[in-house]
Amino acid sequence: MGRKGWGGGGIDELYGDESISLIEMDIEGAEMSALISAVEVIKKNRPVLAICAYHQKDDLIEIPAFINQNFEDYVFAVRKYPSEYFYYLAGIQQINELVLYAIPKERFIENKRKTK
């Protein structure tokens, strides 16, 4: 979404006429507010959502609950990532970036590999 939204206005207001296929959020605790401001865009476009879910203590519970309440048929996945390049340079292994992926079922590709 670039810098278009910088300085105010919700996602619905700013991007309501756009075709959106991915919404990615790492906005230091404002993810829930941004999601609330994007309900119509998400309903209209059914984008993949990649949302950081670790800034607020209840993010990992409240964000998927909000998605389930407001949008039908999303599949969830969670992935942990190393935090900052700085930690890598300092030789510190910290895994504290937690991203919640919400994928519309019609866009979800199921892994059909057989395991032995």
N, C-alpha and C. Protein backbone atom coordinates (compact mmCIF):
# COMPACT_ATOMS: atom_id res chain seq x y z
N MET A 1 0.81 -1.19 0.00
CA MET A 1 0.00 0.00 0.00
C MET A 1 0.86 1.26 0.00
N GLY A 2 2.11 1.09 0.22
CA GLY A 2 3.00 2.24 0.13
C GLY A 2 2.69 3.32 1.15
N ARG A 3 2.94 4.58 0.81
CA ARG A 3 2.75 5.69 1.73
C ARG A 3 1.42 6.40 1.51
N LYS A 4 0.58 5.90 0.64
CA LYS A 4 -0.68 6.57 0.35
C LYS A 4 -1.49 6.82 1.61
N GLY A 5 -1.51 5.86 2.54
CA GLY A 5 -2.31 5.99 3.74
C GLY A 5 -1.66 6.77 4.86
N TRP A 6 -0.43 7.22 4.69
CA TRP A 6 0.29 7.91 5.75
C TRP A 6 -0.43 9.22 6.07
N GLY A 7 -0.73 9.44 7.34
CA GLY A 7 -1.29 10.72 7.75
C GLY A 7 -2.78 10.69 8.00
N GLY A 8 -3.41 9.54 7.96
CA GLY A 8 -4.82 9.51 8.33
C GLY A 8 -5.69 8.81 7.30
N GLY A 9 -6.91 8.60 7.69
CA GLY A 9 -7.85 7.90 6.82
C GLY A 9 -7.70 6.41 6.96
N GLY A 10 -8.82 5.70 6.89
CA GLY A 10 -8.78 4.26 6.99
C GLY A 10 -8.54 3.62 5.64
N ILE A 11 -8.29 2.33 5.67
CA ILE A 11 -8.01 1.58 4.44
C ILE A 11 -9.21 1.60 3.50
N ASP A 12 -10.43 1.43 4.04
CA ASP A 12 -11.62 1.49 3.20
C ASP A 12 -11.74 2.83 2.49
N GLU A 13 -11.48 3.89 3.23
CA GLU A 13 -11.58 5.24 2.68
C GLU A 13 -10.51 5.49 1.61
N LEU A 14 -9.31 5.04 1.87
CA LEU A 14 -8.20 5.33 0.96
C LEU A 14 -8.11 4.38 -0.23
N TYR A 15 -8.53 3.12 -0.04
CA TYR A 15 -8.31 2.11 -1.07
C TYR A 15 -9.59 1.42 -1.53
N GLY A 16 -10.75 1.98 -1.21
CA GLY A 16 -12.02 1.36 -1.52
C GLY A 16 -12.24 1.07 -2.99
N ASP A 17 -11.65 1.86 -3.87
CA ASP A 17 -11.82 1.67 -5.31
C ASP A 17 -10.72 0.83 -5.94
N GLU A 18 -9.74 0.43 -5.15
CA GLU A 18 -8.59 -0.32 -5.68
C GLU A 18 -8.85 -1.82 -5.64
N SER A 19 -8.12 -2.54 -6.46
CA SER A 19 -8.14 -4.00 -6.42
C SER A 19 -6.96 -4.44 -5.56
N ILE A 20 -7.24 -5.08 -4.45
CA ILE A 20 -6.22 -5.44 -3.46
C ILE A 20 -6.13 -6.96 -3.37
N SER A 21 -4.93 -7.52 -3.52
CA SER A 21 -4.78 -8.98 -3.41
C SER A 21 -3.99 -9.40 -2.18
N LEU A 22 -3.27 -8.47 -1.54
CA LEU A 22 -2.48 -8.76 -0.35
C LEU A 22 -2.50 -7.55 0.56
N ILE A 23 -2.75 -7.78 1.83
CA ILE A 23 -2.59 -6.74 2.85
C ILE A 23 -1.57 -7.27 3.84
N GLU A 24 -0.49 -6.52 4.01
CA GLU A 24 0.59 -6.88 4.91
C GLU A 24 0.70 -5.80 5.98
N MET A 25 0.69 -6.21 7.24
CA MET A 25 0.72 -5.22 8.32
C MET A 25 1.79 -5.56 9.36
N ASP A 26 2.66 -4.62 9.60
CA ASP A 26 3.58 -4.63 10.74
C ASP A 26 3.62 -3.19 11.21
N ILE A 27 2.60 -2.79 11.95
CA ILE A 27 2.43 -1.37 12.28
C ILE A 27 2.39 -1.14 13.79
N GLU A 28 3.27 -1.88 14.47
CA GLU A 28 3.60 -1.64 15.88
C GLU A 28 2.40 -1.50 16.80
N GLY A 29 1.47 -2.46 16.70
CA GLY A 29 0.35 -2.49 17.62
C GLY A 29 -0.94 -1.91 17.08
N ALA A 30 -0.91 -1.32 15.91
CA ALA A 30 -2.11 -0.73 15.32
C ALA A 30 -2.78 -1.66 14.32
N GLU A 31 -2.38 -2.93 14.30
CA GLU A 31 -2.91 -3.88 13.32
C GLU A 31 -4.43 -4.03 13.45
N MET A 32 -4.95 -4.14 14.66
CA MET A 32 -6.38 -4.33 14.85
C MET A 32 -7.17 -3.11 14.36
N SER A 33 -6.70 -1.92 14.67
CA SER A 33 -7.36 -0.70 14.18
C SER A 33 -7.36 -0.66 12.66
N ALA A 34 -6.25 -1.05 12.07
CA ALA A 34 -6.15 -1.05 10.61
C ALA A 34 -7.11 -2.08 10.01
N LEU A 35 -7.21 -3.25 10.63
CA LEU A 35 -8.16 -4.26 10.14
C LEU A 35 -9.59 -3.76 10.20
N ILE A 36 -9.94 -3.12 11.30
CA ILE A 36 -11.29 -2.56 11.45
C ILE A 36 -11.55 -1.54 10.34
N SER A 37 -10.54 -0.79 9.96
CA SER A 37 -10.70 0.23 8.92
C SER A 37 -10.69 -0.37 7.51
N ALA A 38 -10.51 -1.71 7.40
CA ALA A 38 -10.38 -2.35 6.09
C ALA A 38 -11.48 -3.36 5.79
N VAL A 39 -12.54 -3.37 6.57
CA VAL A 39 -13.57 -4.41 6.44
C VAL A 39 -14.13 -4.46 5.02
N GLU A 40 -14.50 -3.35 4.47
CA GLU A 40 -15.13 -3.34 3.13
C GLU A 40 -14.14 -3.75 2.04
N VAL A 41 -12.91 -3.29 2.13
CA VAL A 41 -11.88 -3.67 1.15
C VAL A 41 -11.64 -5.18 1.19
N ILE A 42 -11.60 -5.73 2.40
CA ILE A 42 -11.36 -7.18 2.54
C ILE A 42 -12.56 -7.97 2.03
N LYS A 43 -13.78 -7.53 2.35
CA LYS A 43 -14.97 -8.23 1.86
C LYS A 43 -15.03 -8.19 0.33
N LYS A 44 -14.71 -7.06 -0.25
CA LYS A 44 -14.79 -6.88 -1.71
C LYS A 44 -13.71 -7.67 -2.45
N ASN A 45 -12.47 -7.66 -1.95
CA ASN A 45 -11.33 -8.22 -2.69
C ASN A 45 -10.85 -9.58 -2.20
N ARG A 46 -11.17 -9.95 -0.96
CA ARG A 46 -10.70 -11.20 -0.35
C ARG A 46 -9.19 -11.39 -0.52
N PRO A 47 -8.41 -10.42 -0.04
CA PRO A 47 -6.95 -10.54 -0.16
C PRO A 47 -6.37 -11.52 0.85
N VAL A 48 -5.17 -11.96 0.57
CA VAL A 48 -4.38 -12.68 1.57
C VAL A 48 -3.96 -11.63 2.60
N LEU A 49 -4.03 -11.99 3.88
CA LEU A 49 -3.63 -11.09 4.95
C LEU A 49 -2.38 -11.64 5.62
N ALA A 50 -1.38 -10.82 5.78
CA ALA A 50 -0.14 -11.17 6.50
C ALA A 50 0.02 -10.11 7.58
N ILE A 51 -0.32 -10.49 8.81
CA ILE A 51 -0.46 -9.51 9.88
C ILE A 51 0.43 -9.89 11.06
N CYS A 52 1.29 -8.98 11.48
CA CYS A 52 2.08 -9.23 12.67
C CYS A 52 1.15 -9.34 13.86
N ALA A 53 1.37 -10.38 14.66
CA ALA A 53 0.44 -10.67 15.75
C ALA A 53 1.19 -10.85 17.06
N TYR A 54 2.09 -9.91 17.36
CA TYR A 54 2.85 -10.02 18.59
C TYR A 54 3.02 -8.70 19.33
N HIS A 55 2.56 -7.61 18.77
CA HIS A 55 2.76 -6.31 19.42
C HIS A 55 1.89 -6.14 20.67
N GLN A 56 0.66 -6.60 20.61
CA GLN A 56 -0.26 -6.53 21.76
C GLN A 56 -0.41 -7.94 22.32
N LYS A 57 -0.58 -8.07 23.61
CA LYS A 57 -0.60 -9.39 24.24
C LYS A 57 -1.73 -10.28 23.73
N ASP A 58 -2.84 -9.73 23.28
CA ASP A 58 -3.97 -10.53 22.81
C ASP A 58 -4.08 -10.62 21.30
N ASP A 59 -3.10 -10.11 20.57
CA ASP A 59 -3.17 -10.10 19.10
C ASP A 59 -3.43 -11.48 18.50
N LEU A 60 -2.74 -12.47 19.00
CA LEU A 60 -2.84 -13.80 18.39
C LEU A 60 -4.22 -14.43 18.61
N ILE A 61 -4.97 -13.91 19.55
CA ILE A 61 -6.34 -14.38 19.78
C ILE A 61 -7.34 -13.45 19.10
N GLU A 62 -7.19 -12.15 19.30
CA GLU A 62 -8.18 -11.19 18.83
C GLU A 62 -8.18 -11.01 17.31
N ILE A 63 -7.03 -11.02 16.68
CA ILE A 63 -6.99 -10.80 15.23
C ILE A 63 -7.66 -11.94 14.47
N PRO A 64 -7.33 -13.22 14.73
CA PRO A 64 -8.06 -14.28 14.01
C PRO A 64 -9.55 -14.32 14.35
N ALA A 65 -9.90 -13.99 15.60
CA ALA A 65 -11.32 -13.95 15.98
C ALA A 65 -12.05 -12.88 15.18
N PHE A 66 -11.43 -11.71 15.02
CA PHE A 66 -12.04 -10.63 14.23
C PHE A 66 -12.21 -11.07 12.78
N ILE A 67 -11.20 -11.71 12.24
CA ILE A 67 -11.28 -12.17 10.84
C ILE A 67 -12.40 -13.20 10.70
N ASN A 68 -12.49 -14.15 11.62
CA ASN A 68 -13.55 -15.16 11.57
C ASN A 68 -14.94 -14.54 11.69
N GLN A 69 -15.09 -13.52 12.51
CA GLN A 69 -16.39 -12.88 12.71
C GLN A 69 -16.83 -12.06 11.51
N ASN A 70 -15.88 -11.52 10.76
CA ASN A 70 -16.22 -10.56 9.71
C ASN A 70 -16.06 -11.07 8.29
N PHE A 71 -15.32 -12.15 8.10
CA PHE A 71 -15.04 -12.64 6.75
C PHE A 71 -15.20 -14.16 6.73
N GLU A 72 -15.80 -14.66 5.68
CA GLU A 72 -16.04 -16.11 5.59
C GLU A 72 -14.88 -16.84 4.95
N ASP A 73 -14.66 -18.05 5.41
CA ASP A 73 -13.78 -19.02 4.76
C ASP A 73 -12.34 -18.56 4.58
N TYR A 74 -11.71 -18.15 5.67
CA TYR A 74 -10.27 -17.88 5.66
C TYR A 74 -9.56 -19.03 6.39
N VAL A 75 -8.42 -19.43 5.89
CA VAL A 75 -7.57 -20.45 6.49
C VAL A 75 -6.40 -19.72 7.15
N PHE A 76 -5.99 -20.19 8.34
CA PHE A 76 -4.94 -19.50 9.09
C PHE A 76 -3.65 -20.31 9.16
N ALA A 77 -2.55 -19.60 9.17
CA ALA A 77 -1.23 -20.17 9.42
C ALA A 77 -0.43 -19.13 10.20
N VAL A 78 0.51 -19.59 11.00
CA VAL A 78 1.36 -18.69 11.79
C VAL A 78 2.80 -19.07 11.51
N ARG A 79 3.65 -18.05 11.40
CA ARG A 79 5.07 -18.31 11.18
C ARG A 79 5.90 -17.35 12.02
N LYS A 80 6.99 -17.86 12.58
CA LYS A 80 7.92 -17.03 13.35
C LYS A 80 9.11 -16.68 12.45
N TYR A 81 9.58 -15.44 12.59
CA TYR A 81 10.73 -14.96 11.82
C TYR A 81 11.74 -14.33 12.77
N PRO A 82 13.02 -14.31 12.38
CA PRO A 82 14.01 -13.56 13.17
C PRO A 82 13.61 -12.09 13.20
N SER A 83 13.91 -11.42 14.31
CA SER A 83 13.41 -10.07 14.49
C SER A 83 14.09 -9.04 13.58
N GLU A 84 15.31 -8.70 13.81
CA GLU A 84 15.95 -7.60 13.08
C GLU A 84 17.31 -8.04 12.55
N TYR A 85 17.72 -7.42 11.48
CA TYR A 85 19.04 -7.67 10.92
C TYR A 85 20.13 -7.34 11.94
N PHE A 86 19.88 -6.34 12.78
CA PHE A 86 20.83 -5.95 13.81
C PHE A 86 21.19 -7.14 14.70
N TYR A 87 20.18 -7.91 15.10
CA TYR A 87 20.44 -9.06 15.96
C TYR A 87 21.29 -10.09 15.23
N TYR A 88 21.05 -10.24 13.93
CA TYR A 88 21.84 -11.16 13.12
C TYR A 88 23.31 -10.74 13.13
N LEU A 89 23.56 -9.45 12.93
CA LEU A 89 24.93 -8.94 12.93
C LEU A 89 25.59 -9.12 14.29
N ALA A 90 24.83 -9.00 15.35
CA ALA A 90 25.38 -9.14 16.69
C ALA A 90 25.52 -10.60 17.10
N GLY A 91 25.05 -11.52 16.25
CA GLY A 91 25.15 -12.94 16.55
C GLY A 91 24.11 -13.44 17.54
N ILE A 92 23.04 -12.67 17.72
CA ILE A 92 21.98 -13.06 18.65
C ILE A 92 20.86 -13.72 17.86
N GLN A 93 20.46 -14.93 18.25
CA GLN A 93 19.37 -15.63 17.59
C GLN A 93 18.07 -15.33 18.34
N GLN A 94 17.33 -14.35 17.88
CA GLN A 94 16.03 -14.05 18.48
C GLN A 94 14.95 -14.29 17.44
N ILE A 95 13.98 -15.09 17.79
CA ILE A 95 12.84 -15.34 16.91
C ILE A 95 11.63 -14.74 17.61
N ASN A 96 11.29 -13.52 17.26
CA ASN A 96 10.15 -12.90 17.94
C ASN A 96 9.21 -12.15 17.01
N GLU A 97 9.38 -12.29 15.70
CA GLU A 97 8.42 -11.72 14.75
C GLU A 97 7.43 -12.83 14.44
N LEU A 98 6.19 -12.65 14.83
CA LEU A 98 5.16 -13.65 14.65
C LEU A 98 4.14 -13.11 13.65
N VAL A 99 4.01 -13.78 12.51
CA VAL A 99 3.10 -13.32 11.46
C VAL A 99 1.95 -14.30 11.33
N LEU A 100 0.74 -13.75 11.37
CA LEU A 100 -0.47 -14.51 11.14
C LEU A 100 -0.85 -14.35 9.68
N TYR A 101 -0.98 -15.46 8.98
CA TYR A 101 -1.44 -15.44 7.60
C TYR A 101 -2.90 -15.88 7.58
N ALA A 102 -3.74 -15.11 6.92
CA ALA A 102 -5.14 -15.48 6.71
C ALA A 102 -5.33 -15.54 5.20
N ILE A 103 -5.68 -16.72 4.71
CA ILE A 103 -5.75 -16.96 3.26
C ILE A 103 -7.17 -17.38 2.91
N PRO A 104 -7.81 -16.69 1.95
CA PRO A 104 -9.14 -17.13 1.54
C PRO A 104 -9.09 -18.57 1.03
N LYS A 105 -10.07 -19.38 1.40
CA LYS A 105 -10.05 -20.80 1.01
C LYS A 105 -9.92 -20.97 -0.49
N GLU A 106 -10.53 -20.10 -1.26
CA GLU A 106 -10.47 -20.25 -2.72
C GLU A 106 -9.08 -19.96 -3.28
N ARG A 107 -8.20 -19.37 -2.47
CA ARG A 107 -6.83 -19.08 -2.91
C ARG A 107 -5.82 -19.97 -2.21
N PHE A 108 -6.27 -20.81 -1.31
CA PHE A 108 -5.38 -21.66 -0.51
C PHE A 108 -5.00 -22.89 -1.32
N ILE A 109 -3.71 -23.16 -1.40
CA ILE A 109 -3.21 -24.37 -2.07
C ILE A 109 -2.78 -25.34 -0.98
N GLU A 110 -3.50 -26.42 -0.88
CA GLU A 110 -3.23 -27.38 0.16
C GLU A 110 -2.01 -28.23 -0.20
N ASN A 111 -1.18 -28.49 0.78
CA ASN A 111 -0.02 -29.33 0.59
C ASN A 111 -0.48 -30.78 0.60
N LYS A 112 -0.38 -31.45 -0.51
CA LYS A 112 -0.86 -32.83 -0.62
C LYS A 112 0.27 -33.84 -0.60
N ARG A 113 1.46 -33.42 -0.13
CA ARG A 113 2.58 -34.36 -0.03
C ARG A 113 2.26 -35.46 0.95
N LYS A 114 2.66 -36.64 0.60
CA LYS A 114 2.50 -37.75 1.52
C LYS A 114 3.77 -37.89 2.34
N THR A 115 3.60 -38.04 3.63
CA THR A 115 4.76 -38.24 4.49
C THR A 115 4.86 -39.71 4.85
N LYS A 116 6.09 -40.17 4.99
CA LYS A 116 6.31 -41.57 5.32
C LYS A 116 6.36 -41.78 6.80
